[in-house]
């Protein structure tokens, strides 16, 4: 989003950098690493992008299900994902 705002000249570089730093501070201590081999395994067994597989790997590691509207994630990994509608049931 910051890149888009900078390109549209809605934000200056300095403003975007300040927002990015504030966001990084808010996330400090709440950042999780995923195991790359697990992500590669998920990629090999699905049609998803690596980016999506990182979220599935994280959900698996945390022992939770990923709440998503992404139909491919829901189709390829029904054991590790659920729709928002199913989540609120």
PDB file of N, CA and C in Angstrom:
ATOM      1  N   UNK A   1       0.828  -1.188   0.000  1.00  0.00           N
ATOM      2  CA  UNK A   1       0.000   0.000   0.000  1.00  0.00           C
ATOM      3  C   UNK A   1       0.874   1.255   0.000  1.00  0.00           C
ATOM      4  N   UNK A   2       1.945   1.208   0.805  1.00  0.00           N
ATOM      5  CA  UNK A   2       2.820   2.373   0.858  1.00  0.00           C
ATOM      6  C   UNK A   2       3.423   2.669  -0.506  1.00  0.00           C
ATOM      7  N   UNK A   3       3.808   1.614  -1.218  1.00  0.00           N
ATOM      8  CA  UNK A   3       4.385   1.811  -2.555  1.00  0.00           C
ATOM      9  C   UNK A   3       3.385   2.510  -3.472  1.00  0.00           C
ATOM     10  N   UNK A   4       2.133   2.075  -3.411  1.00  0.00           N
ATOM     11  CA  UNK A   4       1.103   2.688  -4.250  1.00  0.00           C
ATOM     12  C   UNK A   4       0.926   4.165  -3.891  1.00  0.00           C
ATOM     13  N   UNK A   5       0.871   4.460  -2.602  1.00  0.00           N
ATOM     14  CA  UNK A   5       0.713   5.858  -2.190  1.00  0.00           C
ATOM     15  C   UNK A   5       1.907   6.710  -2.593  1.00  0.00           C
ATOM     16  N   UNK A   6       3.101   6.132  -2.523  1.00  0.00           N
ATOM     17  CA  UNK A   6       4.279   6.885  -2.957  1.00  0.00           C
ATOM     18  C   UNK A   6       4.235   7.134  -4.458  1.00  0.00           C
ATOM     19  N   UNK A   7       3.851   6.108  -5.212  1.00  0.00           N
ATOM     20  CA  UNK A   7       3.788   6.262  -6.676  1.00  0.00           C
ATOM     21  C   UNK A   7       2.714   7.251  -7.093  1.00  0.00           C
ATOM     22  N   UNK A   8       1.629   7.288  -6.338  1.00  0.00           N
ATOM     23  CA  UNK A   8       0.555   8.254  -6.627  1.00  0.00           C
ATOM     24  C   UNK A   8       0.848   9.626  -6.044  1.00  0.00           C
ATOM     25  N   UNK A   9       1.975   9.727  -5.391  1.00  0.00           N
ATOM     26  CA  UNK A   9       2.422  10.969  -4.741  1.00  0.00           C
ATOM     27  C   UNK A   9       1.473  11.421  -3.635  1.00  0.00           C
ATOM     28  N   UNK A  10       0.779  10.443  -3.024  1.00  0.00           N
ATOM     29  CA  UNK A  10      -0.063  10.722  -1.877  1.00  0.00           C
ATOM     30  C   UNK A  10       0.798  10.795  -0.619  1.00  0.00           C
ATOM     31  N   UNK A  11       1.896  10.038  -0.607  1.00  0.00           N
ATOM     32  CA  UNK A  11       2.848  10.045   0.501  1.00  0.00           C
ATOM     33  C   UNK A  11       4.241  10.319  -0.031  1.00  0.00           C
ATOM     34  N   UNK A  12       5.019  11.030   0.764  1.00  0.00           N
ATOM     35  CA  UNK A  12       6.429  11.210   0.422  1.00  0.00           C
ATOM     36  C   UNK A  12       7.192   9.983   0.898  1.00  0.00           C
ATOM     37  N   UNK A  13       8.415   9.842   0.417  1.00  0.00           N
ATOM     38  CA  UNK A  13       9.258   8.740   0.869  1.00  0.00           C
ATOM     39  C   UNK A  13       9.428   8.788   2.379  1.00  0.00           C
ATOM     40  N   UNK A  14       9.683   9.966   2.927  1.00  0.00           N
ATOM     41  CA  UNK A  14       9.900  10.104   4.371  1.00  0.00           C
ATOM     42  C   UNK A  14       8.655   9.718   5.170  1.00  0.00           C
ATOM     43  N   UNK A  15       7.483  10.102   4.687  1.00  0.00           N
ATOM     44  CA  UNK A  15       6.238   9.720   5.365  1.00  0.00           C
ATOM     45  C   UNK A  15       6.056   8.205   5.329  1.00  0.00           C
ATOM     46  N   UNK A  16       6.312   7.606   4.174  1.00  0.00           N
ATOM     47  CA  UNK A  16       6.175   6.153   4.041  1.00  0.00           C
ATOM     48  C   UNK A  16       7.163   5.431   4.948  1.00  0.00           C
ATOM     49  N   UNK A  17       8.393   5.930   5.021  1.00  0.00           N
ATOM     50  CA  UNK A  17       9.407   5.322   5.882  1.00  0.00           C
ATOM     51  C   UNK A  17       8.999   5.411   7.348  1.00  0.00           C
ATOM     52  N   UNK A  18       8.401   6.513   7.741  1.00  0.00           N
ATOM     53  CA  UNK A  18       7.943   6.690   9.122  1.00  0.00           C
ATOM     54  C   UNK A  18       6.801   5.715   9.445  1.00  0.00           C
ATOM     55  N   UNK A  19       5.877   5.561   8.518  1.00  0.00           N
ATOM     56  CA  UNK A  19       4.771   4.621   8.712  1.00  0.00           C
ATOM     57  C   UNK A  19       5.308   3.196   8.794  1.00  0.00           C
ATOM     58  N   UNK A  20       6.253   2.856   7.929  1.00  0.00           N
ATOM     59  CA  UNK A  20       6.842   1.517   7.932  1.00  0.00           C
ATOM     60  C   UNK A  20       7.535   1.239   9.263  1.00  0.00           C
ATOM     61  N   UNK A  21       8.262   2.196   9.781  1.00  0.00           N
ATOM     62  CA  UNK A  21       8.950   2.033  11.066  1.00  0.00           C
ATOM     63  C   UNK A  21       7.939   1.860  12.200  1.00  0.00           C
ATOM     64  N   UNK A  22       6.871   2.633  12.188  1.00  0.00           N
ATOM     65  CA  UNK A  22       5.833   2.495  13.213  1.00  0.00           C
ATOM     66  C   UNK A  22       5.193   1.113  13.157  1.00  0.00           C
ATOM     67  N   UNK A  23       4.929   0.630  11.964  1.00  0.00           N
ATOM     68  CA  UNK A  23       4.339  -0.701  11.808  1.00  0.00           C
ATOM     69  C   UNK A  23       5.298  -1.777  12.315  1.00  0.00           C
ATOM     70  N   UNK A  24       6.571  -1.636  12.017  1.00  0.00           N
ATOM     71  CA  UNK A  24       7.568  -2.609  12.475  1.00  0.00           C
ATOM     72  C   UNK A  24       7.628  -2.643  13.997  1.00  0.00           C
ATOM     73  N   UNK A  25       7.532  -1.494  14.633  1.00  0.00           N
ATOM     74  CA  UNK A  25       7.545  -1.430  16.099  1.00  0.00           C
ATOM     75  C   UNK A  25       6.306  -2.106  16.686  1.00  0.00           C
ATOM     76  N   UNK A  26       5.162  -1.911  16.059  1.00  0.00           N
ATOM     77  CA  UNK A  26       3.925  -2.548  16.535  1.00  0.00           C
ATOM     78  C   UNK A  26       3.993  -4.067  16.424  1.00  0.00           C
ATOM     79  N   UNK A  27       4.686  -4.562  15.413  1.00  0.00           N
ATOM     80  CA  UNK A  27       4.761  -6.003  15.194  1.00  0.00           C
ATOM     81  C   UNK A  27       5.880  -6.675  15.977  1.00  0.00           C
ATOM     82  N   UNK A  28       6.763  -5.875  16.559  1.00  0.00           N
ATOM     83  CA  UNK A  28       7.910  -6.437  17.278  1.00  0.00           C
ATOM     84  C   UNK A  28       7.441  -7.435  18.339  1.00  0.00           C
ATOM     85  N   UNK A  29       8.070  -8.598  18.334  1.00  0.00           N
ATOM     86  CA  UNK A  29       7.695  -9.645  19.269  1.00  0.00           C
ATOM     87  C   UNK A  29       6.546 -10.504  18.786  1.00  0.00           C
ATOM     88  N   UNK A  30       5.933 -10.136  17.679  1.00  0.00           N
ATOM     89  CA  UNK A  30       4.807 -10.893  17.119  1.00  0.00           C
ATOM     90  C   UNK A  30       5.087 -11.331  15.685  1.00  0.00           C
ATOM     91  N   UNK A  31       6.352 -11.535  15.388  1.00  0.00           N
ATOM     92  CA  UNK A  31       6.760 -11.959  14.060  1.00  0.00           C
ATOM     93  C   UNK A  31       7.161 -13.428  14.136  1.00  0.00           C
ATOM     94  N   UNK A  32       6.721 -14.218  13.191  1.00  0.00           N
ATOM     95  CA  UNK A  32       6.984 -15.647  13.188  1.00  0.00           C
ATOM     96  C   UNK A  32       7.742 -16.031  11.929  1.00  0.00           C
ATOM     97  N   UNK A  33       8.692 -16.928  12.087  1.00  0.00           N
ATOM     98  CA  UNK A  33       9.413 -17.482  10.946  1.00  0.00           C
ATOM     99  C   UNK A  33       8.776 -18.806  10.555  1.00  0.00           C
ATOM    100  N   UNK A  34       8.780 -19.086   9.287  1.00  0.00           N
ATOM    101  CA  UNK A  34       8.313 -20.383   8.819  1.00  0.00           C
ATOM    102  C   UNK A  34       9.507 -21.143   8.266  1.00  0.00           C
ATOM    103  N   UNK A  35       9.435 -22.464   8.310  1.00  0.00           N
ATOM    104  CA  UNK A  35      10.515 -23.310   7.819  1.00  0.00           C
ATOM    105  C   UNK A  35      10.401 -23.406   6.294  1.00  0.00           C
ATOM    106  N   UNK A  36      11.452 -23.000   5.612  1.00  0.00           N
ATOM    107  CA  UNK A  36      11.426 -22.943   4.145  1.00  0.00           C
ATOM    108  C   UNK A  36      11.106 -24.281   3.509  1.00  0.00           C
ATOM    109  N   UNK A  37      11.641 -25.364   4.058  1.00  0.00           N
ATOM    110  CA  UNK A  37      11.359 -26.682   3.480  1.00  0.00           C
ATOM    111  C   UNK A  37       9.881 -27.035   3.582  1.00  0.00           C
ATOM    112  N   UNK A  38       9.232 -26.605   4.651  1.00  0.00           N
ATOM    113  CA  UNK A  38       7.793 -26.851   4.784  1.00  0.00           C
ATOM    114  C   UNK A  38       7.024 -26.088   3.707  1.00  0.00           C
ATOM    115  N   UNK A  39       7.460 -24.863   3.434  1.00  0.00           N
ATOM    116  CA  UNK A  39       6.809 -24.061   2.395  1.00  0.00           C
ATOM    117  C   UNK A  39       7.004 -24.731   1.036  1.00  0.00           C
ATOM    118  N   UNK A  40       8.221 -25.201   0.757  1.00  0.00           N
ATOM    119  CA  UNK A  40       8.485 -25.884  -0.515  1.00  0.00           C
ATOM    120  C   UNK A  40       7.643 -27.146  -0.657  1.00  0.00           C
ATOM    121  N   UNK A  41       7.472 -27.876   0.433  1.00  0.00           N
ATOM    122  CA  UNK A  41       6.630 -29.074   0.417  1.00  0.00           C
ATOM    123  C   UNK A  41       5.188 -28.721   0.051  1.00  0.00           C
ATOM    124  N   UNK A  42       4.687 -27.645   0.644  1.00  0.00           N
ATOM    125  CA  UNK A  42       3.318 -27.207   0.349  1.00  0.00           C
ATOM    126  C   UNK A  42       3.189 -26.764  -1.101  1.00  0.00           C
ATOM    127  N   UNK A  43       4.208 -26.081  -1.605  1.00  0.00           N
ATOM    128  CA  UNK A  43       4.199 -25.642  -3.005  1.00  0.00           C
ATOM    129  C   UNK A  43       4.150 -26.851  -3.924  1.00  0.00           C
ATOM    130  N   UNK A  44       4.963 -27.875  -3.595  1.00  0.00           N
ATOM    131  CA  UNK A  44       5.035 -29.071  -4.439  1.00  0.00           C
ATOM    132  C   UNK A  44       3.713 -29.826  -4.484  1.00  0.00           C
ATOM    133  N   UNK A  45       2.905 -29.674  -3.442  1.00  0.00           N
ATOM    134  CA  UNK A  45       1.649 -30.420  -3.351  1.00  0.00           C
ATOM    135  C   UNK A  45       0.413 -29.562  -3.590  1.00  0.00           C
ATOM    136  N   UNK A  46       0.600 -28.419  -4.233  1.00  0.00           N
ATOM    137  CA  UNK A  46      -0.547 -27.546  -4.486  1.00  0.00           C
ATOM    138  C   UNK A  46      -0.292 -26.706  -5.729  1.00  0.00           C
ATOM    139  N   UNK A  47      -1.270 -25.898  -6.056  1.00  0.00           N
ATOM    140  CA  UNK A  47      -1.132 -24.968  -7.183  1.00  0.00           C
ATOM    141  C   UNK A  47      -0.955 -23.535  -6.690  1.00  0.00           C
ATOM    142  N   UNK A  48      -0.678 -23.390  -5.396  1.00  0.00           N
ATOM    143  CA  UNK A  48      -0.602 -22.061  -4.788  1.00  0.00           C
ATOM    144  C   UNK A  48       0.760 -21.404  -4.953  1.00  0.00           C
ATOM    145  N   UNK A  49       0.768 -20.099  -4.807  1.00  0.00           N
ATOM    146  CA  UNK A  49       2.009 -19.336  -4.806  1.00  0.00           C
ATOM    147  C   UNK A  49       2.749 -19.559  -3.492  1.00  0.00           C
ATOM    148  N   UNK A  50       4.048 -19.318  -3.509  1.00  0.00           N
ATOM    149  CA  UNK A  50       4.854 -19.464  -2.296  1.00  0.00           C
ATOM    150  C   UNK A  50       4.308 -18.578  -1.182  1.00  0.00           C
ATOM    151  N   UNK A  51       3.875 -17.386  -1.528  1.00  0.00           N
ATOM    152  CA  UNK A  51       3.320 -16.439  -0.554  1.00  0.00           C
ATOM    153  C   UNK A  51       2.153 -17.068   0.202  1.00  0.00           C
ATOM    154  N   UNK A  52       1.253 -17.711  -0.524  1.00  0.00           N
ATOM    155  CA  UNK A  52       0.097 -18.357   0.100  1.00  0.00           C
ATOM    156  C   UNK A  52       0.524 -19.535   0.960  1.00  0.00           C
ATOM    157  N   UNK A  53       1.494 -20.293   0.466  1.00  0.00           N
ATOM    158  CA  UNK A  53       1.966 -21.465   1.205  1.00  0.00           C
ATOM    159  C   UNK A  53       2.651 -21.076   2.505  1.00  0.00           C
ATOM    160  N   UNK A  54       3.241 -19.898   2.549  1.00  0.00           N
ATOM    161  CA  UNK A  54       3.831 -19.423   3.808  1.00  0.00           C
ATOM    162  C   UNK A  54       2.754 -19.258   4.877  1.00  0.00           C
ATOM    163  N   UNK A  55       1.596 -18.761   4.497  1.00  0.00           N
ATOM    164  CA  UNK A  55       0.500 -18.597   5.459  1.00  0.00           C
ATOM    165  C   UNK A  55      -0.027 -19.950   5.933  1.00  0.00           C
ATOM    166  N   UNK A  56      -0.103 -20.915   5.027  1.00  0.00           N
ATOM    167  CA  UNK A  56      -0.544 -22.257   5.411  1.00  0.00           C
ATOM    168  C   UNK A  56       0.486 -22.879   6.353  1.00  0.00           C
ATOM    169  N   UNK A  57       1.767 -22.746   6.038  1.00  0.00           N
ATOM    170  CA  UNK A  57       2.819 -23.295   6.907  1.00  0.00           C
ATOM    171  C   UNK A  57       2.755 -22.665   8.291  1.00  0.00           C
ATOM    172  N   UNK A  58       2.524 -21.372   8.356  1.00  0.00           N
ATOM    173  CA  UNK A  58       2.427 -20.688   9.641  1.00  0.00           C
ATOM    174  C   UNK A  58       1.221 -21.187  10.431  1.00  0.00           C
ATOM    175  N   UNK A  59       0.088 -21.299   9.777  1.00  0.00           N
ATOM    176  CA  UNK A  59      -1.117 -21.803  10.454  1.00  0.00           C
ATOM    177  C   UNK A  59      -0.865 -23.202  10.995  1.00  0.00           C
ATOM    178  N   UNK A  60      -0.233 -24.042  10.191  1.00  0.00           N
ATOM    179  CA  UNK A  60       0.089 -25.409  10.616  1.00  0.00           C
ATOM    180  C   UNK A  60       1.000 -25.402  11.841  1.00  0.00           C
ATOM    181  N   UNK A  61       2.040 -24.572  11.795  1.00  0.00           N
ATOM    182  CA  UNK A  61       2.990 -24.491  12.914  1.00  0.00           C
ATOM    183  C   UNK A  61       2.331 -23.987  14.191  1.00  0.00           C
ATOM    184  N   UNK A  62       1.392 -23.053  14.053  1.00  0.00           N
ATOM    185  CA  UNK A  62       0.716 -22.477  15.218  1.00  0.00           C
ATOM    186  C   UNK A  62      -0.457 -23.339  15.690  1.00  0.00           C
ATOM    187  N   UNK A  63      -0.813 -24.354  14.907  1.00  0.00           N
ATOM    188  CA  UNK A  63      -1.925 -25.228  15.277  1.00  0.00           C
ATOM    189  C   UNK A  63      -3.279 -24.563  15.148  1.00  0.00           C
ATOM    190  N   UNK A  64      -3.397 -23.661  14.166  1.00  0.00           N
ATOM    191  CA  UNK A  64      -4.654 -22.965  13.912  1.00  0.00           C
ATOM    192  C   UNK A  64      -5.013 -23.118  12.441  1.00  0.00           C
ATOM    193  N   UNK A  65      -6.209 -22.712  12.092  1.00  0.00           N
ATOM    194  CA  UNK A  65      -6.619 -22.720  10.685  1.00  0.00           C
ATOM    195  C   UNK A  65      -6.602 -21.291  10.157  1.00  0.00           C
ATOM    196  N   UNK A  66      -6.199 -21.161   8.908  1.00  0.00           N
ATOM    197  CA  UNK A  66      -6.150 -19.868   8.238  1.00  0.00           C
ATOM    198  C   UNK A  66      -7.552 -19.492   7.780  1.00  0.00           C
ATOM    199  N   UNK A  67      -8.035 -18.344   8.216  1.00  0.00           N
ATOM    200  CA  UNK A  67      -9.337 -17.843   7.780  1.00  0.00           C
ATOM    201  C   UNK A  67      -9.095 -17.018   6.517  1.00  0.00           C
ATOM    202  N   UNK A  68      -9.717 -17.435   5.427  1.00  0.00           N
ATOM    203  CA  UNK A  68      -9.447 -16.793   4.145  1.00  0.00           C
ATOM    204  C   UNK A  68     -10.648 -16.889   3.209  1.00  0.00           C
ATOM    205  N   UNK A  69     -10.693 -15.971   2.270  1.00  0.00           N
ATOM    206  CA  UNK A  69     -11.696 -16.044   1.204  1.00  0.00           C
ATOM    207  C   UNK A  69     -11.079 -16.597  -0.080  1.00  0.00           C
ATOM    208  N   UNK A  70      -9.791 -16.911  -0.043  1.00  0.00           N
ATOM    209  CA  UNK A  70      -9.077 -17.419  -1.213  1.00  0.00           C
ATOM    210  C   UNK A  70      -9.559 -18.835  -1.537  1.00  0.00           C
ATOM    211  N   UNK A  71     -10.256 -18.977  -2.652  1.00  0.00           N
ATOM    212  CA  UNK A  71     -10.862 -20.255  -3.017  1.00  0.00           C
ATOM    213  C   UNK A  71      -9.827 -21.353  -3.265  1.00  0.00           C
ATOM    214  N   UNK A  72      -8.666 -20.996  -3.820  1.00  0.00           N
ATOM    215  CA  UNK A  72      -7.635 -22.006  -4.064  1.00  0.00           C
ATOM    216  C   UNK A  72      -7.052 -22.538  -2.758  1.00  0.00           C
ATOM    217  N   UNK A  73      -6.826 -21.657  -1.792  1.00  0.00           N
ATOM    218  CA  UNK A  73      -6.328 -22.111  -0.489  1.00  0.00           C
ATOM    219  C   UNK A  73      -7.354 -23.029   0.160  1.00  0.00           C
ATOM    220  N   UNK A  74      -8.614 -22.616   0.136  1.00  0.00           N
ATOM    221  CA  UNK A  74      -9.675 -23.426   0.730  1.00  0.00           C
ATOM    222  C   UNK A  74      -9.784 -24.783   0.046  1.00  0.00           C
ATOM    223  N   UNK A  75      -9.584 -24.823  -1.262  1.00  0.00           N
ATOM    224  CA  UNK A  75      -9.675 -26.073  -2.023  1.00  0.00           C
ATOM    225  C   UNK A  75      -8.463 -26.962  -1.766  1.00  0.00           C
ATOM    226  N   UNK A  76      -7.264 -26.387  -1.843  1.00  0.00           N
ATOM    227  CA  UNK A  76      -6.043 -27.191  -1.737  1.00  0.00           C
ATOM    228  C   UNK A  76      -5.703 -27.601  -0.303  1.00  0.00           C
ATOM    229  N   UNK A  77      -6.123 -26.814   0.677  1.00  0.00           N
ATOM    230  CA  UNK A  77      -5.779 -27.094   2.066  1.00  0.00           C
ATOM    231  C   UNK A  77      -6.984 -26.963   2.995  1.00  0.00           C
ATOM    232  N   UNK A  78      -8.009 -27.781   2.788  1.00  0.00           N
ATOM    233  CA  UNK A  78      -9.213 -27.672   3.621  1.00  0.00           C
ATOM    234  C   UNK A  78      -8.962 -27.993   5.092  1.00  0.00           C
ATOM    235  N   UNK A  79      -7.928 -28.770   5.398  1.00  0.00           N
ATOM    236  CA  UNK A  79      -7.636 -29.099   6.795  1.00  0.00           C
ATOM    237  C   UNK A  79      -6.966 -27.954   7.548  1.00  0.00           C
ATOM    238  N   UNK A  80      -6.397 -27.013   6.812  1.00  0.00           N
ATOM    239  CA  UNK A  80      -5.660 -25.915   7.440  1.00  0.00           C
ATOM    240  C   UNK A  80      -6.270 -24.550   7.157  1.00  0.00           C
ATOM    241  N   UNK A  81      -7.449 -24.519   6.528  1.00  0.00           N
ATOM    242  CA  UNK A  81      -8.081 -23.245   6.209  1.00  0.00           C
ATOM    243  C   UNK A  81      -9.588 -23.358   6.353  1.00  0.00           C
ATOM    244  N   UNK A  82     -10.225 -22.207   6.499  1.00  0.00           N
ATOM    245  CA  UNK A  82     -11.684 -22.152   6.492  1.00  0.00           C
ATOM    246  C   UNK A  82     -12.133 -20.768   6.082  1.00  0.00           C
ATOM    247  N   UNK A  83     -13.337 -20.707   5.569  1.00  0.00           N
ATOM    248  CA  UNK A  83     -13.894 -19.435   5.100  1.00  0.00           C
ATOM    249  C   UNK A  83     -14.355 -18.610   6.305  1.00  0.00           C
ATOM    250  N   UNK A  84     -14.460 -17.300   6.128  1.00  0.00           N
ATOM    251  CA  UNK A  84     -14.981 -16.472   7.216  1.00  0.00           C
ATOM    252  C   UNK A  84     -16.375 -16.910   7.671  1.00  0.00           C
ATOM    253  N   UNK A  85     -17.221 -17.330   6.721  1.00  0.00           N
ATOM    254  CA  UNK A  85     -18.569 -17.781   7.073  1.00  0.00           C
ATOM    255  C   UNK A  85     -18.505 -19.007   7.978  1.00  0.00           C
ATOM    256  N   UNK A  86     -17.611 -19.938   7.668  1.00  0.00           N
ATOM    257  CA  UNK A  86     -17.468 -21.118   8.515  1.00  0.00           C
ATOM    258  C   UNK A  86     -16.829 -20.781   9.854  1.00  0.00           C
ATOM    259  N   UNK A  87     -15.978 -19.790   9.850  1.00  0.00           N
ATOM    260  CA  UNK A  87     -15.313 -19.375  11.094  1.00  0.00           C
ATOM    261  C   UNK A  87     -16.310 -18.845  12.128  1.00  0.00           C
ATOM    262  N   UNK A  88     -17.319 -18.082  11.661  1.00  0.00           N
ATOM    263  CA  UNK A  88     -18.258 -17.472  12.612  1.00  0.00           C
ATOM    264  C   UNK A  88     -19.382 -18.406  13.027  1.00  0.00           C
ATOM    265  N   UNK A  89     -19.456 -19.586  12.419  1.00  0.00           N
ATOM    266  CA  UNK A  89     -20.510 -20.547  12.793  1.00  0.00           C
ATOM    267  C   UNK A  89     -20.271 -21.084  14.185  1.00  0.00           C
TER     268      UNK A  89
END
